[in-house]
Amino acid sequence: MRIKLILLTLLLASCSDFYIPFLKPYKMDIRQGNFVTPDMREKLKIGMTKAQVKYVLGTPMINDAFHGNRWDYVYRLERDGKVLEKQDMTLYFEGENLARVVDGGEPGSVAPAKVEVQK
């Protein structure tokens, strides 16, 4: 009975903020948003139509119904509760054509997920 009580106490303590090095809960990597590579950024040109931009970058993460002329591409990678990478890019349109690009994030140098090719 005493061993069960000690085990239960340790298990409950591992779920709280109490730090035990060998009893840590698993925290998975969280990738959210549109990852924009440097190659995709190079293909983006002022004057492109909305369809062309969507073909190059994909569907925007944030598409505001009140601001149809603004598209936001946001990406965030979080590991162990800490933000490792953050990108944001805002595109402004005049009519159907791209007028301005505000690139506020660090361009990613590598793809967000590793692709393994099996032979």
PDB file of N, CA and C in Angstrom:
ATOM      1  N   MET A   1       0.829  -1.189   0.000  1.00  0.00           N
ATOM      2  CA  MET A   1       0.000   0.000   0.000  1.00  0.00           C
ATOM      3  C   MET A   1       0.872   1.250   0.000  1.00  0.00           C
ATOM      4  N   ARG A   2       1.957   1.198   0.763  1.00  0.00           N
ATOM      5  CA  ARG A   2       2.843   2.355   0.860  1.00  0.00           C
ATOM      6  C   ARG A   2       3.497   2.647  -0.503  1.00  0.00           C
ATOM      7  N   ILE A   3       3.876   1.606  -1.239  1.00  0.00           N
ATOM      8  CA  ILE A   3       4.499   1.787  -2.557  1.00  0.00           C
ATOM      9  C   ILE A   3       3.499   2.399  -3.536  1.00  0.00           C
ATOM     10  N   LYS A   4       2.261   1.953  -3.474  1.00  0.00           N
ATOM     11  CA  LYS A   4       1.241   2.523  -4.357  1.00  0.00           C
ATOM     12  C   LYS A   4       1.021   4.002  -4.062  1.00  0.00           C
ATOM     13  N   LEU A   5       1.041   4.372  -2.807  1.00  0.00           N
ATOM     14  CA  LEU A   5       0.873   5.769  -2.420  1.00  0.00           C
ATOM     15  C   LEU A   5       2.047   6.626  -2.913  1.00  0.00           C
ATOM     16  N   ILE A   6       3.247   6.121  -2.790  1.00  0.00           N
ATOM     17  CA  ILE A   6       4.426   6.851  -3.262  1.00  0.00           C
ATOM     18  C   ILE A   6       4.391   6.997  -4.784  1.00  0.00           C
ATOM     19  N   LEU A   7       4.024   5.934  -5.480  1.00  0.00           N
ATOM     20  CA  LEU A   7       3.931   5.977  -6.932  1.00  0.00           C
ATOM     21  C   LEU A   7       2.858   6.968  -7.397  1.00  0.00           C
ATOM     22  N   LEU A   8       1.725   6.949  -6.749  1.00  0.00           N
ATOM     23  CA  LEU A   8       0.654   7.882  -7.077  1.00  0.00           C
ATOM     24  C   LEU A   8       1.086   9.322  -6.837  1.00  0.00           C
ATOM     25  N   THR A   9       1.791   9.572  -5.760  1.00  0.00           N
ATOM     26  CA  THR A   9       2.287  10.918  -5.455  1.00  0.00           C
ATOM     27  C   THR A   9       3.274  11.388  -6.516  1.00  0.00           C
ATOM     28  N   LEU A  10       4.163  10.527  -6.939  1.00  0.00           N
ATOM     29  CA  LEU A  10       5.124  10.890  -7.981  1.00  0.00           C
ATOM     30  C   LEU A  10       4.441  11.159  -9.311  1.00  0.00           C
ATOM     31  N   LEU A  11       3.463  10.343  -9.655  1.00  0.00           N
ATOM     32  CA  LEU A  11       2.744  10.555 -10.910  1.00  0.00           C
ATOM     33  C   LEU A  11       1.974  11.866 -10.898  1.00  0.00           C
ATOM     34  N   LEU A  12       1.335  12.173  -9.799  1.00  0.00           N
ATOM     35  CA  LEU A  12       0.611  13.443  -9.708  1.00  0.00           C
ATOM     36  C   LEU A  12       1.564  14.633  -9.707  1.00  0.00           C
ATOM     37  N   ALA A  13       2.705  14.485  -9.101  1.00  0.00           N
ATOM     38  CA  ALA A  13       3.689  15.566  -9.067  1.00  0.00           C
ATOM     39  C   ALA A  13       4.280  15.820 -10.447  1.00  0.00           C
ATOM     40  N   SER A  14       4.354  14.803 -11.287  1.00  0.00           N
ATOM     41  CA  SER A  14       4.920  14.991 -12.627  1.00  0.00           C
ATOM     42  C   SER A  14       4.002  15.810 -13.513  1.00  0.00           C
ATOM     43  N   CYS A  15       2.743  15.916 -13.190  1.00  0.00           N
ATOM     44  CA  CYS A  15       1.803  16.697 -13.983  1.00  0.00           C
ATOM     45  C   CYS A  15       1.758  18.157 -13.559  1.00  0.00           C
ATOM     46  N   SER A  16       2.360  18.498 -12.463  1.00  0.00           N
ATOM     47  CA  SER A  16       2.322  19.881 -11.985  1.00  0.00           C
ATOM     48  C   SER A  16       3.613  20.587 -12.332  1.00  0.00           C
ATOM     49  N   ASP A  17       3.850  21.734 -11.746  1.00  0.00           N
ATOM     50  CA  ASP A  17       5.062  22.505 -11.983  1.00  0.00           C
ATOM     51  C   ASP A  17       6.241  22.000 -11.166  1.00  0.00           C
ATOM     52  N   PHE A  18       6.019  21.013 -10.342  1.00  0.00           N
ATOM     53  CA  PHE A  18       7.091  20.427  -9.548  1.00  0.00           C
ATOM     54  C   PHE A  18       8.068  19.737 -10.486  1.00  0.00           C
ATOM     55  N   TYR A  19       9.335  20.046 -10.392  1.00  0.00           N
ATOM     56  CA  TYR A  19      10.337  19.571 -11.345  1.00  0.00           C
ATOM     57  C   TYR A  19      11.033  18.311 -10.846  1.00  0.00           C
ATOM     58  N   ILE A  20      10.852  17.241 -11.600  1.00  0.00           N
ATOM     59  CA  ILE A  20      11.581  16.001 -11.372  1.00  0.00           C
ATOM     60  C   ILE A  20      12.222  15.654 -12.709  1.00  0.00           C
ATOM     61  N   PRO A  21      13.558  15.633 -12.779  1.00  0.00           N
ATOM     62  CA  PRO A  21      14.235  15.480 -14.068  1.00  0.00           C
ATOM     63  C   PRO A  21      13.824  14.252 -14.868  1.00  0.00           C
ATOM     64  N   PHE A  22      13.599  13.142 -14.226  1.00  0.00           N
ATOM     65  CA  PHE A  22      13.287  11.929 -14.961  1.00  0.00           C
ATOM     66  C   PHE A  22      11.793  11.739 -15.191  1.00  0.00           C
ATOM     67  N   LEU A  23      10.944  12.591 -14.634  1.00  0.00           N
ATOM     68  CA  LEU A  23       9.498  12.519 -14.839  1.00  0.00           C
ATOM     69  C   LEU A  23       8.994  13.829 -15.449  1.00  0.00           C
ATOM     70  N   LYS A  24       9.192  13.993 -16.747  1.00  0.00           N
ATOM     71  CA  LYS A  24       8.700  15.185 -17.431  1.00  0.00           C
ATOM     72  C   LYS A  24       7.611  14.772 -18.408  1.00  0.00           C
ATOM     73  N   PRO A  25       6.521  15.518 -18.478  1.00  0.00           N
ATOM     74  CA  PRO A  25       5.502  15.190 -19.472  1.00  0.00           C
ATOM     75  C   PRO A  25       6.003  15.514 -20.872  1.00  0.00           C
ATOM     76  N   TYR A  26       5.542  14.784 -21.857  1.00  0.00           N
ATOM     77  CA  TYR A  26       5.946  14.998 -23.244  1.00  0.00           C
ATOM     78  C   TYR A  26       5.248  16.238 -23.789  1.00  0.00           C
ATOM     79  N   LYS A  27       6.022  17.102 -24.426  1.00  0.00           N
ATOM     80  CA  LYS A  27       5.465  18.277 -25.091  1.00  0.00           C
ATOM     81  C   LYS A  27       5.835  18.184 -26.556  1.00  0.00           C
ATOM     82  N   MET A  28       4.838  18.066 -27.403  1.00  0.00           N
ATOM     83  CA  MET A  28       5.102  17.890 -28.825  1.00  0.00           C
ATOM     84  C   MET A  28       5.408  19.217 -29.509  1.00  0.00           C
ATOM     85  N   ASP A  29       6.081  19.136 -30.666  1.00  0.00           N
ATOM     86  CA  ASP A  29       6.358  20.316 -31.466  1.00  0.00           C
ATOM     87  C   ASP A  29       5.056  20.807 -32.060  1.00  0.00           C
ATOM     88  N   ILE A  30       4.863  22.107 -32.014  1.00  0.00           N
ATOM     89  CA  ILE A  30       3.649  22.699 -32.561  1.00  0.00           C
ATOM     90  C   ILE A  30       4.038  23.607 -33.715  1.00  0.00           C
ATOM     91  N   ARG A  31       3.592  23.262 -34.902  1.00  0.00           N
ATOM     92  CA  ARG A  31       3.824  24.068 -36.102  1.00  0.00           C
ATOM     93  C   ARG A  31       2.478  24.608 -36.545  1.00  0.00           C
ATOM     94  N   GLN A  32       2.401  25.928 -36.632  1.00  0.00           N
ATOM     95  CA  GLN A  32       1.147  26.547 -37.028  1.00  0.00           C
ATOM     96  C   GLN A  32       1.396  27.544 -38.146  1.00  0.00           C
ATOM     97  N   GLY A  33       0.518  27.555 -39.113  1.00  0.00           N
ATOM     98  CA  GLY A  33       0.564  28.578 -40.137  1.00  0.00           C
ATOM     99  C   GLY A  33       1.150  28.129 -41.453  1.00  0.00           C
ATOM    100  N   ASN A  34       1.504  29.136 -42.263  1.00  0.00           N
ATOM    101  CA  ASN A  34       2.064  28.942 -43.596  1.00  0.00           C
ATOM    102  C   ASN A  34       3.565  29.152 -43.550  1.00  0.00           C
ATOM    103  N   PHE A  35       4.336  28.112 -43.821  1.00  0.00           N
ATOM    104  CA  PHE A  35       5.786  28.250 -43.886  1.00  0.00           C
ATOM    105  C   PHE A  35       6.138  28.785 -45.266  1.00  0.00           C
ATOM    106  N   VAL A  36       6.781  29.943 -45.328  1.00  0.00           N
ATOM    107  CA  VAL A  36       7.153  30.584 -46.590  1.00  0.00           C
ATOM    108  C   VAL A  36       8.668  30.462 -46.745  1.00  0.00           C
ATOM    109  N   THR A  37       9.100  29.739 -47.770  1.00  0.00           N
ATOM    110  CA  THR A  37      10.520  29.534 -48.020  1.00  0.00           C
ATOM    111  C   THR A  37      11.108  30.718 -48.783  1.00  0.00           C
ATOM    112  N   PRO A  38      12.430  30.869 -48.774  1.00  0.00           N
ATOM    113  CA  PRO A  38      13.061  31.936 -49.563  1.00  0.00           C
ATOM    114  C   PRO A  38      12.756  31.817 -51.052  1.00  0.00           C
ATOM    115  N   ASP A  39      12.621  30.588 -51.552  1.00  0.00           N
ATOM    116  CA  ASP A  39      12.276  30.389 -52.955  1.00  0.00           C
ATOM    117  C   ASP A  39      10.887  30.953 -53.264  1.00  0.00           C
ATOM    118  N   MET A  40       9.955  30.747 -52.355  1.00  0.00           N
ATOM    119  CA  MET A  40       8.604  31.284 -52.534  1.00  0.00           C
ATOM    120  C   MET A  40       8.622  32.808 -52.499  1.00  0.00           C
ATOM    121  N   ARG A  41       9.458  33.386 -51.629  1.00  0.00           N
ATOM    122  CA  ARG A  41       9.563  34.838 -51.535  1.00  0.00           C
ATOM    123  C   ARG A  41      10.123  35.431 -52.821  1.00  0.00           C
ATOM    124  N   GLU A  42      11.058  34.730 -53.455  1.00  0.00           N
ATOM    125  CA  GLU A  42      11.641  35.227 -54.707  1.00  0.00           C
ATOM    126  C   GLU A  42      10.627  35.228 -55.843  1.00  0.00           C
ATOM    127  N   LYS A  43       9.720  34.266 -55.849  1.00  0.00           N
ATOM    128  CA  LYS A  43       8.714  34.178 -56.902  1.00  0.00           C
ATOM    129  C   LYS A  43       7.635  35.247 -56.777  1.00  0.00           C
ATOM    130  N   LEU A  44       7.499  35.836 -55.615  1.00  0.00           N
ATOM    131  CA  LEU A  44       6.470  36.832 -55.367  1.00  0.00           C
ATOM    132  C   LEU A  44       6.870  38.161 -55.992  1.00  0.00           C
ATOM    133  N   LYS A  45       6.017  38.721 -56.864  1.00  0.00           N
ATOM    134  CA  LYS A  45       6.308  39.972 -57.567  1.00  0.00           C
ATOM    135  C   LYS A  45       5.132  40.937 -57.432  1.00  0.00           C
ATOM    136  N   ILE A  46       5.461  42.208 -57.354  1.00  0.00           N
ATOM    137  CA  ILE A  46       4.424  43.252 -57.316  1.00  0.00           C
ATOM    138  C   ILE A  46       3.672  43.215 -58.647  1.00  0.00           C
ATOM    139  N   GLY A  47       2.342  43.313 -58.575  1.00  0.00           N
ATOM    140  CA  GLY A  47       1.512  43.293 -59.770  1.00  0.00           C
ATOM    141  C   GLY A  47       0.867  41.947 -60.038  1.00  0.00           C
ATOM    142  N   MET A  48       1.249  40.917 -59.283  1.00  0.00           N
ATOM    143  CA  MET A  48       0.632  39.594 -59.461  1.00  0.00           C
ATOM    144  C   MET A  48      -0.828  39.645 -59.037  1.00  0.00           C
ATOM    145  N   THR A  49      -1.644  38.812 -59.660  1.00  0.00           N
ATOM    146  CA  THR A  49      -3.055  38.739 -59.270  1.00  0.00           C
ATOM    147  C   THR A  49      -3.190  37.903 -58.000  1.00  0.00           C
ATOM    148  N   LYS A  50      -4.364  37.947 -57.396  1.00  0.00           N
ATOM    149  CA  LYS A  50      -4.616  37.172 -56.176  1.00  0.00           C
ATOM    150  C   LYS A  50      -4.480  35.677 -56.444  1.00  0.00           C
ATOM    151  N   ALA A  51      -4.932  35.235 -57.616  1.00  0.00           N
ATOM    152  CA  ALA A  51      -4.828  33.816 -57.963  1.00  0.00           C
ATOM    153  C   ALA A  51      -3.366  33.397 -58.102  1.00  0.00           C
ATOM    154  N   GLN A  52      -2.543  34.246 -58.693  1.00  0.00           N
ATOM    155  CA  GLN A  52      -1.117  33.931 -58.839  1.00  0.00           C
ATOM    156  C   GLN A  52      -0.424  33.875 -57.484  1.00  0.00           C
ATOM    157  N   VAL A  53      -0.756  34.820 -56.598  1.00  0.00           N
ATOM    158  CA  VAL A  53      -0.166  34.828 -55.257  1.00  0.00           C
ATOM    159  C   VAL A  53      -0.584  33.580 -54.500  1.00  0.00           C
ATOM    160  N   LYS A  54      -1.839  33.195 -54.626  1.00  0.00           N
ATOM    161  CA  LYS A  54      -2.329  31.994 -53.941  1.00  0.00           C
ATOM    162  C   LYS A  54      -1.640  30.745 -54.491  1.00  0.00           C
ATOM    163  N   TYR A  55      -1.309  30.749 -55.782  1.00  0.00           N
ATOM    164  CA  TYR A  55      -0.597  29.616 -56.374  1.00  0.00           C
ATOM    165  C   TYR A  55       0.829  29.523 -55.824  1.00  0.00           C
ATOM    166  N   VAL A  56       1.497  30.680 -55.632  1.00  0.00           N
ATOM    167  CA  VAL A  56       2.885  30.704 -55.160  1.00  0.00           C
ATOM    168  C   VAL A  56       2.971  30.431 -53.654  1.00  0.00           C
ATOM    169  N   LEU A  57       2.139  31.093 -52.864  1.00  0.00           N
ATOM    170  CA  LEU A  57       2.257  31.012 -51.406  1.00  0.00           C
ATOM    171  C   LEU A  57       1.226  30.109 -50.735  1.00  0.00           C
ATOM    172  N   GLY A  58       0.174  29.772 -51.433  1.00  0.00           N
ATOM    173  CA  GLY A  58      -0.900  29.000 -50.829  1.00  0.00           C
ATOM    174  C   GLY A  58      -1.961  29.925 -50.241  1.00  0.00           C
ATOM    175  N   THR A  59      -2.972  29.334 -49.652  1.00  0.00           N
ATOM    176  CA  THR A  59      -4.055  30.101 -49.039  1.00  0.00           C
ATOM    177  C   THR A  59      -3.536  30.804 -47.791  1.00  0.00           C
ATOM    178  N   PRO A  60      -3.868  32.097 -47.620  1.00  0.00           N
ATOM    179  CA  PRO A  60      -3.360  32.808 -46.439  1.00  0.00           C
ATOM    180  C   PRO A  60      -3.931  32.255 -45.144  1.00  0.00           C
ATOM    181  N   MET A  61      -3.114  32.336 -44.088  1.00  0.00           N
ATOM    182  CA  MET A  61      -3.531  31.849 -42.776  1.00  0.00           C
ATOM    183  C   MET A  61      -4.652  32.722 -42.218  1.00  0.00           C
ATOM    184  N   ILE A  62      -4.513  34.033 -42.398  1.00  0.00           N
ATOM    185  CA  ILE A  62      -5.516  34.969 -41.892  1.00  0.00           C
ATOM    186  C   ILE A  62      -6.092  35.723 -43.079  1.00  0.00           C
ATOM    187  N   ASN A  63      -7.373  35.545 -43.307  1.00  0.00           N
ATOM    188  CA  ASN A  63      -8.077  36.227 -44.391  1.00  0.00           C
ATOM    189  C   ASN A  63      -9.247  36.965 -43.765  1.00  0.00           C
ATOM    190  N   ASP A  64      -9.074  38.249 -43.539  1.00  0.00           N
ATOM    191  CA  ASP A  64     -10.051  39.062 -42.828  1.00  0.00           C
ATOM    192  C   ASP A  64     -11.189  39.468 -43.764  1.00  0.00           C
ATOM    193  N   ALA A  65     -12.414  39.231 -43.355  1.00  0.00           N
ATOM    194  CA  ALA A  65     -13.577  39.587 -44.167  1.00  0.00           C
ATOM    195  C   ALA A  65     -13.743  41.102 -44.274  1.00  0.00           C
ATOM    196  N   PHE A  66     -13.258  41.852 -43.295  1.00  0.00           N
ATOM    197  CA  PHE A  66     -13.405  43.302 -43.299  1.00  0.00           C
ATOM    198  C   PHE A  66     -12.296  43.995 -44.095  1.00  0.00           C
ATOM    199  N   HIS A  67     -11.193  43.301 -44.335  1.00  0.00           N
ATOM    200  CA  HIS A  67     -10.080  43.856 -45.106  1.00  0.00           C
ATOM    201  C   HIS A  67      -9.725  42.862 -46.211  1.00  0.00           C
ATOM    202  N   GLY A  68     -10.492  42.860 -47.277  1.00  0.00           N
ATOM    203  CA  GLY A  68     -10.291  41.922 -48.375  1.00  0.00           C
ATOM    204  C   GLY A  68      -9.028  42.192 -49.164  1.00  0.00           C
ATOM    205  N   ASN A  69      -8.454  43.373 -48.968  1.00  0.00           N
ATOM    206  CA  ASN A  69      -7.240  43.725 -49.708  1.00  0.00           C
ATOM    207  C   ASN A  69      -5.970  43.387 -48.926  1.00  0.00           C
ATOM    208  N   ARG A  70      -6.082  42.692 -47.821  1.00  0.00           N
ATOM    209  CA  ARG A  70      -4.924  42.357 -46.994  1.00  0.00           C
ATOM    210  C   ARG A  70      -4.924  40.868 -46.683  1.00  0.00           C
ATOM    211  N   TRP A  71      -3.789  40.213 -46.961  1.00  0.00           N
ATOM    212  CA  TRP A  71      -3.614  38.808 -46.633  1.00  0.00           C
ATOM    213  C   TRP A  71      -2.426  38.677 -45.700  1.00  0.00           C
ATOM    214  N   ASP A  72      -2.563  37.854 -44.662  1.00  0.00           N
ATOM    215  CA  ASP A  72      -1.485  37.646 -43.710  1.00  0.00           C
ATOM    216  C   ASP A  72      -1.046  36.180 -43.743  1.00  0.00           C
ATOM    217  N   TYR A  73       0.255  35.989 -43.923  1.00  0.00           N
ATOM    218  CA  TYR A  73       0.860  34.662 -43.870  1.00  0.00           C
ATOM    219  C   TYR A  73       1.703  34.604 -42.599  1.00  0.00           C
ATOM    220  N   VAL A  74       1.298  33.758 -41.671  1.00  0.00           N
ATOM    221  CA  VAL A  74       1.939  33.680 -40.363  1.00  0.00           C
ATOM    222  C   VAL A  74       2.407  32.243 -40.146  1.00  0.00           C
ATOM    223  N   TYR A  75       3.607  32.087 -39.579  1.00  0.00           N
ATOM    224  CA  TYR A  75       4.134  30.766 -39.244  1.00  0.00           C
ATOM    225  C   TYR A  75       4.818  30.846 -37.893  1.00  0.00           C
ATOM    226  N   ARG A  76       4.655  29.775 -37.114  1.00  0.00           N
ATOM    227  CA  ARG A  76       5.250  29.730 -35.780  1.00  0.00           C
ATOM    228  C   ARG A  76       5.595  28.286 -35.436  1.00  0.00           C
ATOM    229  N   LEU A  77       6.815  28.086 -34.945  1.00  0.00           N
ATOM    230  CA  LEU A  77       7.269  26.770 -34.496  1.00  0.00           C
ATOM    231  C   LEU A  77       7.562  26.860 -33.014  1.00  0.00           C
ATOM    232  N   GLU A  78       6.907  25.999 -32.260  1.00  0.00           N
ATOM    233  CA  GLU A  78       7.068  25.987 -30.804  1.00  0.00           C
ATOM    234  C   GLU A  78       7.507  24.597 -30.369  1.00  0.00           C
ATOM    235  N   ARG A  79       8.598  24.545 -29.591  1.00  0.00           N
ATOM    236  CA  ARG A  79       9.110  23.273 -29.082  1.00  0.00           C
ATOM    237  C   ARG A  79       9.356  23.406 -27.588  1.00  0.00           C
ATOM    238  N   ASP A  80       8.834  22.467 -26.821  1.00  0.00           N
ATOM    239  CA  ASP A  80       8.955  22.469 -25.356  1.00  0.00           C
ATOM    240  C   ASP A  80       8.438  23.768 -24.742  1.00  0.00           C
ATOM    241  N   GLY A  81       7.387  24.327 -25.325  1.00  0.00           N
ATOM    242  CA  GLY A  81       6.789  25.539 -24.791  1.00  0.00           C
ATOM    243  C   GLY A  81       7.542  26.811 -25.132  1.00  0.00           C
ATOM    244  N   LYS A  82       8.571  26.733 -25.978  1.00  0.00           N
ATOM    245  CA  LYS A  82       9.357  27.907 -26.356  1.00  0.00           C
ATOM    246  C   LYS A  82       9.251  28.128 -27.854  1.00  0.00           C
ATOM    247  N   VAL A  83       9.087  29.374 -28.273  1.00  0.00           N
ATOM    248  CA  VAL A  83       9.000  29.709 -29.690  1.00  0.00           C
ATOM    249  C   VAL A  83      10.401  29.687 -30.288  1.00  0.00           C
ATOM    250  N   LEU A  84      10.611  28.797 -31.266  1.00  0.00           N
ATOM    251  CA  LEU A  84      11.908  28.691 -31.920  1.00  0.00           C
ATOM    252  C   LEU A  84      11.985  29.519 -33.185  1.00  0.00           C
ATOM    253  N   GLU A  85      10.884  29.580 -33.920  1.00  0.00           N
ATOM    254  CA  GLU A  85      10.880  30.301 -35.186  1.00  0.00           C
ATOM    255  C   GLU A  85       9.530  30.981 -35.367  1.00  0.00           C
ATOM    256  N   LYS A  86       9.585  32.196 -35.883  1.00  0.00           N
ATOM    257  CA  LYS A  86       8.362  32.955 -36.105  1.00  0.00           C
ATOM    258  C   LYS A  86       8.533  33.773 -37.378  1.00  0.00           C
ATOM    259  N   GLN A  87       7.568  33.676 -38.273  1.00  0.00           N
ATOM    260  CA  GLN A  87       7.575  34.433 -39.523  1.00  0.00           C
ATOM    261  C   GLN A  87       6.224  35.107 -39.691  1.00  0.00           C
ATOM    262  N   ASP A  88       6.237  36.280 -40.269  1.00  0.00           N
ATOM    263  CA  ASP A  88       4.976  36.889 -40.666  1.00  0.00           C
ATOM    264  C   ASP A  88       5.203  37.742 -41.903  1.00  0.00           C
ATOM    265  N   MET A  89       4.255  37.648 -42.820  1.00  0.00           N
ATOM    266  CA  MET A  89       4.312  38.391 -44.066  1.00  0.00           C
ATOM    267  C   MET A  89       2.904  38.898 -44.359  1.00  0.00           C
ATOM    268  N   THR A  90       2.790  40.182 -44.658  1.00  0.00           N
ATOM    269  CA  THR A  90       1.504  40.790 -44.967  1.00  0.00           C
ATOM    270  C   THR A  90       1.535  41.288 -46.399  1.00  0.00           C
ATOM    271  N   LEU A  91       0.511  40.924 -47.159  1.00  0.00           N
ATOM    272  CA  LEU A  91       0.394  41.337 -48.550  1.00  0.00           C
ATOM    273  C   LEU A  91      -0.799  42.269 -48.688  1.00  0.00           C
ATOM    274  N   TYR A  92      -0.604  43.376 -49.397  1.00  0.00           N
ATOM    275  CA  TYR A  92      -1.672  44.342 -49.637  1.00  0.00           C
ATOM    276  C   TYR A  92      -1.986  44.372 -51.124  1.00  0.00           C
ATOM    277  N   PHE A  93      -3.267  44.365 -51.445  1.00  0.00           N
ATOM    278  CA  PHE A  93      -3.721  44.369 -52.831  1.00  0.00           C
ATOM    279  C   PHE A  93      -4.466  45.661 -53.121  1.00  0.00           C
ATOM    280  N   GLU A  94      -4.356  46.117 -54.367  1.00  0.00           N
ATOM    281  CA  GLU A  94      -5.191  47.200 -54.884  1.00  0.00           C
ATOM    282  C   GLU A  94      -5.995  46.587 -56.005  1.00  0.00           C
ATOM    283  N   GLY A  95      -7.277  46.414 -55.767  1.00  0.00           N
ATOM    284  CA  GLY A  95      -8.111  45.694 -56.718  1.00  0.00           C
ATOM    285  C   GLY A  95      -7.766  44.222 -56.666  1.00  0.00           C
ATOM    286  N   GLU A  96      -7.334  43.674 -57.801  1.00  0.00           N
ATOM    287  CA  GLU A  96      -6.947  42.267 -57.869  1.00  0.00           C
ATOM    288  C   GLU A  96      -5.439  42.067 -57.936  1.00  0.00           C
ATOM    289  N   ASN A  97      -4.663  43.156 -57.893  1.00  0.00           N
ATOM    290  CA  ASN A  97      -3.210  43.042 -58.062  1.00  0.00           C
ATOM    291  C   ASN A  97      -2.466  43.349 -56.777  1.00  0.00           C
ATOM    292  N   LEU A  98      -1.337  42.659 -56.587  1.00  0.00           N
ATOM    293  CA  LEU A  98      -0.490  42.850 -55.421  1.00  0.00           C
ATOM    294  C   LEU A  98       0.191  44.211 -55.502  1.00  0.00           C
ATOM    295  N   ALA A  99       0.023  45.022 -54.458  1.00  0.00           N
ATOM    296  CA  ALA A  99       0.571  46.373 -54.454  1.00  0.00           C
ATOM    297  C   ALA A  99       1.775  46.518 -53.533  1.00  0.00           C
ATOM    298  N   ARG A 100       1.753  45.809 -52.396  1.00  0.00           N
ATOM    299  CA  ARG A 100       2.818  46.004 -51.402  1.00  0.00           C
ATOM    300  C   ARG A 100       2.996  44.735 -50.575  1.00  0.00           C
ATOM    301  N   VAL A 101       4.259  44.477 -50.183  1.00  0.00           N
ATOM    302  CA  VAL A 101       4.590  43.317 -49.348  1.00  0.00           C
ATOM    303  C   VAL A 101       5.339  43.815 -48.125  1.00  0.00           C
ATOM    304  N   VAL A 102       4.835  43.480 -46.939  1.00  0.00           N
ATOM    305  CA  VAL A 102       5.517  43.804 -45.690  1.00  0.00           C
ATOM    306  C   VAL A 102       5.985  42.479 -45.101  1.00  0.00           C
ATOM    307  N   ASP A 103       7.310  42.280 -45.120  1.00  0.00           N
ATOM    308  CA  ASP A 103       7.892  41.020 -44.666  1.00  0.00           C
ATOM    309  C   ASP A 103       8.521  41.251 -43.303  1.00  0.00           C
ATOM    310  N   GLY A 104       7.791  40.878 -42.240  1.00  0.00           N
ATOM    311  CA  GLY A 104       8.259  41.150 -40.885  1.00  0.00           C
ATOM    312  C   GLY A 104       8.976  40.016 -40.215  1.00  0.00           C
ATOM    313  N   GLY A 105       8.977  38.836 -40.817  1.00  0.00           N
ATOM    314  CA  GLY A 105       9.584  37.683 -40.168  1.00  0.00           C
ATOM    315  C   GLY A 105      10.908  37.314 -40.772  1.00  0.00           C
ATOM    316  N   GLU A 106      11.619  36.492 -40.045  1.00  0.00           N
ATOM    317  CA  GLU A 106      12.879  35.953 -40.544  1.00  0.00           C
ATOM    318  C   GLU A 106      12.556  34.916 -41.611  1.00  0.00           C
ATOM    319  N   PRO A 107      13.132  35.038 -42.783  1.00  0.00           N
ATOM    320  CA  PRO A 107      12.863  34.010 -43.791  1.00  0.00           C
ATOM    321  C   PRO A 107      13.443  32.670 -43.372  1.00  0.00           C
ATOM    322  N   GLY A 108      12.655  31.644 -43.538  1.00  0.00           N
ATOM    323  CA  GLY A 108      13.103  30.313 -43.151  1.00  0.00           C
ATOM    324  C   GLY A 108      14.144  29.779 -44.121  1.00  0.00           C
ATOM    325  N   SER A 109      15.150  29.149 -43.616  1.00  0.00           N
ATOM    326  CA  SER A 109      16.216  28.637 -44.468  1.00  0.00           C
ATOM    327  C   SER A 109      16.014  27.162 -44.798  1.00  0.00           C
ATOM    328  N   VAL A 110      15.255  26.469 -43.987  1.00  0.00           N
ATOM    329  CA  VAL A 110      15.019  25.050 -44.229  1.00  0.00           C
ATOM    330  C   VAL A 110      13.526  24.783 -44.146  1.00  0.00           C
ATOM    331  N   ALA A 111      13.112  23.676 -44.721  1.00  0.00           N
ATOM    332  CA  ALA A 111      11.709  23.290 -44.669  1.00  0.00           C
ATOM    333  C   ALA A 111      11.325  22.961 -43.234  1.00  0.00           C
ATOM    334  N   PRO A 112      10.063  23.157 -42.850  1.00  0.00           N
ATOM    335  CA  PRO A 112       9.673  22.932 -41.472  1.00  0.00           C
ATOM    336  C   PRO A 112       9.654  21.473 -41.066  1.00  0.00           C
ATOM    337  N   ALA A 113       9.480  20.582 -42.003  1.00  0.00           N
ATOM    338  CA  ALA A 113       9.434  19.166 -41.658  1.00  0.00           C
ATOM    339  C   ALA A 113      10.447  18.417 -42.509  1.00  0.00           C
ATOM    340  N   LYS A 114      11.091  17.431 -41.907  1.00  0.00           N
ATOM    341  CA  LYS A 114      12.065  16.639 -42.640  1.00  0.00           C
ATOM    342  C   LYS A 114      11.336  15.567 -43.436  1.00  0.00           C
ATOM    343  N   VAL A 115      11.702  15.475 -44.702  1.00  0.00           N
ATOM    344  CA  VAL A 115      11.114  14.465 -45.570  1.00  0.00           C
ATOM    345  C   VAL A 115      12.163  13.408 -45.836  1.00  0.00           C
ATOM    346  N   GLU A 116      11.856  12.189 -45.483  1.00  0.00           N
ATOM    347  CA  GLU A 116      12.794  11.097 -45.685  1.00  0.00           C
ATOM    348  C   GLU A 116      12.350  10.287 -46.886  1.00  0.00           C
ATOM    349  N   VAL A 117      13.265  10.065 -47.787  1.00  0.00           N
ATOM    350  CA  VAL A 117      12.980   9.276 -48.976  1.00  0.00           C
ATOM    351  C   VAL A 117      13.507   7.874 -48.749  1.00  0.00           C
ATOM    352  N   GLN A 118      12.637   6.896 -48.862  1.00  0.00           N
ATOM    353  CA  GLN A 118      13.044   5.507 -48.678  1.00  0.00           C
ATOM    354  C   GLN A 118      13.241   4.870 -50.031  1.00  0.00           C
ATOM    355  N   LYS A 119      14.318   4.122 -50.159  1.00  0.00           N
ATOM    356  CA  LYS A 119      14.611   3.461 -51.442  1.00  0.00           C
ATOM    357  C   LYS A 119      14.401   1.983 -51.328  1.00  0.00           C
TER     358      LYS A 119
END
